[in-house]
Protein backbone atom coordinates (compact mmCIF):
# COMPACT_ATOMS: atom_id res chain seq x y z
CA UNK A 1 -13.96 9.07 9.26
CA UNK A 2 -10.81 7.87 7.55
CA UNK A 3 -10.79 7.78 3.76
CA UNK A 4 -8.62 5.02 2.25
CA UNK A 5 -7.81 5.21 -1.47
CA UNK A 6 -5.76 2.84 -3.61
CA UNK A 7 -3.45 3.70 -6.50
CA UNK A 8 -4.25 1.82 -9.69
CA UNK A 9 -1.29 -0.59 -9.39
CA UNK A 10 -2.47 -1.73 -5.94
CA UNK A 11 -6.02 -2.18 -7.24
CA UNK A 12 -4.76 -4.29 -10.16
CA UNK A 13 -2.82 -6.59 -7.85
CA UNK A 14 -5.78 -7.11 -5.53
CA UNK A 15 -8.07 -7.80 -8.46
CA UNK A 16 -5.77 -10.56 -9.78
CA UNK A 17 -4.78 -12.23 -6.51
CA UNK A 18 -6.56 -15.25 -4.96
CA UNK A 19 -9.66 -14.50 -2.90
CA UNK A 20 -8.04 -15.68 0.37
CA UNK A 21 -5.09 -13.31 -0.13
CA UNK A 22 -7.44 -10.46 -1.01
CA UNK A 23 -9.31 -11.04 2.25
CA UNK A 24 -6.02 -11.01 4.20
CA UNK A 25 -5.13 -7.64 2.69
CA UNK A 26 -8.58 -6.25 3.54
CA UNK A 27 -8.37 -7.57 7.09
CA UNK A 28 -4.88 -6.20 7.70
CA UNK A 29 -5.63 -2.81 6.13
CA UNK A 30 -8.81 -2.42 8.18
CA UNK A 31 -6.69 -1.64 11.27
CA UNK A 32 -6.05 1.77 9.71
CA UNK A 33 -9.64 2.74 10.56
CA UNK A 34 -8.84 2.32 14.27
CA UNK A 35 -5.35 3.82 14.19
CA UNK A 36 -4.08 5.66 11.11
CA UNK A 37 -0.49 4.90 12.14
CA UNK A 38 -1.08 1.20 12.85
CA UNK A 39 1.56 0.00 10.39
CA UNK A 40 5.32 -0.06 10.83
CA UNK A 41 6.78 3.36 9.92
CA UNK A 42 9.24 3.47 7.03
CA UNK A 43 12.30 5.71 6.97
CA UNK A 44 14.49 7.46 4.43
CA UNK A 45 12.92 8.18 1.05
CA UNK A 46 9.71 6.51 2.21
CA UNK A 47 9.24 8.39 5.47
CA UNK A 48 5.59 9.24 5.97
CA UNK A 49 4.68 5.77 4.73
CA UNK A 50 3.81 2.70 6.75
CA UNK A 51 4.07 -0.99 5.91
CA UNK A 52 1.89 -3.88 6.89
CA UNK A 53 3.39 -7.35 6.67
CA UNK A 54 1.25 -10.14 5.26
CA UNK A 55 2.16 -13.82 5.03
CA UNK A 56 0.16 -16.12 2.78
CA UNK A 57 1.40 -19.69 2.60
CA UNK A 58 5.17 -19.53 2.16
CA UNK A 59 5.06 -16.11 0.50
CA UNK A 60 5.51 -12.68 2.05
CA UNK A 61 3.57 -9.64 0.90
CA UNK A 62 3.48 -5.96 1.76
CA UNK A 63 0.84 -3.30 1.89
CA UNK A 64 2.41 0.15 1.98
CA UNK A 65 0.34 3.23 2.63
CA UNK A 66 1.01 6.93 2.89
CA UNK A 67 -0.73 9.17 5.39
CA UNK A 68 -1.73 12.42 3.68
CA UNK A 69 -3.70 13.95 6.56
CA UNK A 70 -5.56 12.95 9.70
CA UNK A 71 -8.35 11.53 7.56
CA UNK A 72 -6.74 10.61 4.20
CA UNK A 73 -4.65 7.54 3.45
CA UNK A 74 -3.41 6.29 0.09
CA UNK A 75 -2.38 2.66 -0.33
CA UNK A 76 0.57 3.00 -2.70
CA UNK A 77 1.52 -0.67 -2.91
CA UNK A 78 0.00 -4.09 -2.46
CA UNK A 79 2.02 -7.04 -3.64
CA UNK A 80 4.98 -9.32 -3.07
CA UNK A 81 7.60 -8.17 -0.59
CA UNK A 82 10.43 -8.71 -3.06
CA UNK A 83 11.53 -5.36 -4.52
CA UNK A 84 8.43 -3.64 -3.09
CA UNK A 85 10.26 -0.49 -2.06
CA UNK A 86 12.14 -0.13 -5.35
CA UNK A 87 8.85 -0.47 -7.21
CA UNK A 88 7.23 2.22 -5.05
CA UNK A 89 10.08 4.67 -5.61
CA UNK A 90 10.21 3.98 -9.35
CA UNK A 91 6.43 4.31 -9.87
CA UNK A 92 6.29 7.86 -8.52
CA UNK A 93 3.05 7.32 -6.58
CA UNK A 94 4.08 8.93 -3.31
CA UNK A 95 2.22 11.97 -1.96
CA UNK A 96 -1.04 10.57 -3.23
CA UNK A 97 -0.28 11.06 -6.89
CA UNK A 98 -0.99 8.45 -9.49
CA UNK A 99 1.64 7.79 -12.08
CA UNK A 100 1.33 9.93 -15.18
CA UNK A 101 1.89 8.31 -18.54
CA UNK A 102 4.52 9.90 -20.72
CA UNK A 103 3.16 11.57 -23.81
CA UNK A 104 4.74 10.47 -27.05
């Protein structure tokens, strides 16, 4: 059984988006249950991650997930395509870690 988790930023986006878009994300991400490497593999700094392209109306979105093991997947990004990869790198959520807040 494959375990899919979401980082908090991805959860927030899905909570705020329209119901139809939320259903598209769920439908597209469900292919991971059949094939953990179903998405398009990313390279460079994001190797080990996969993207799933989603089009809703005239807008393009991405779901990016990281495969941690044969049974664990973490969705590190759900949102607009624009600047998606910069946001992922900046947030520090790769390797299944959630972003830590800086102590003041």
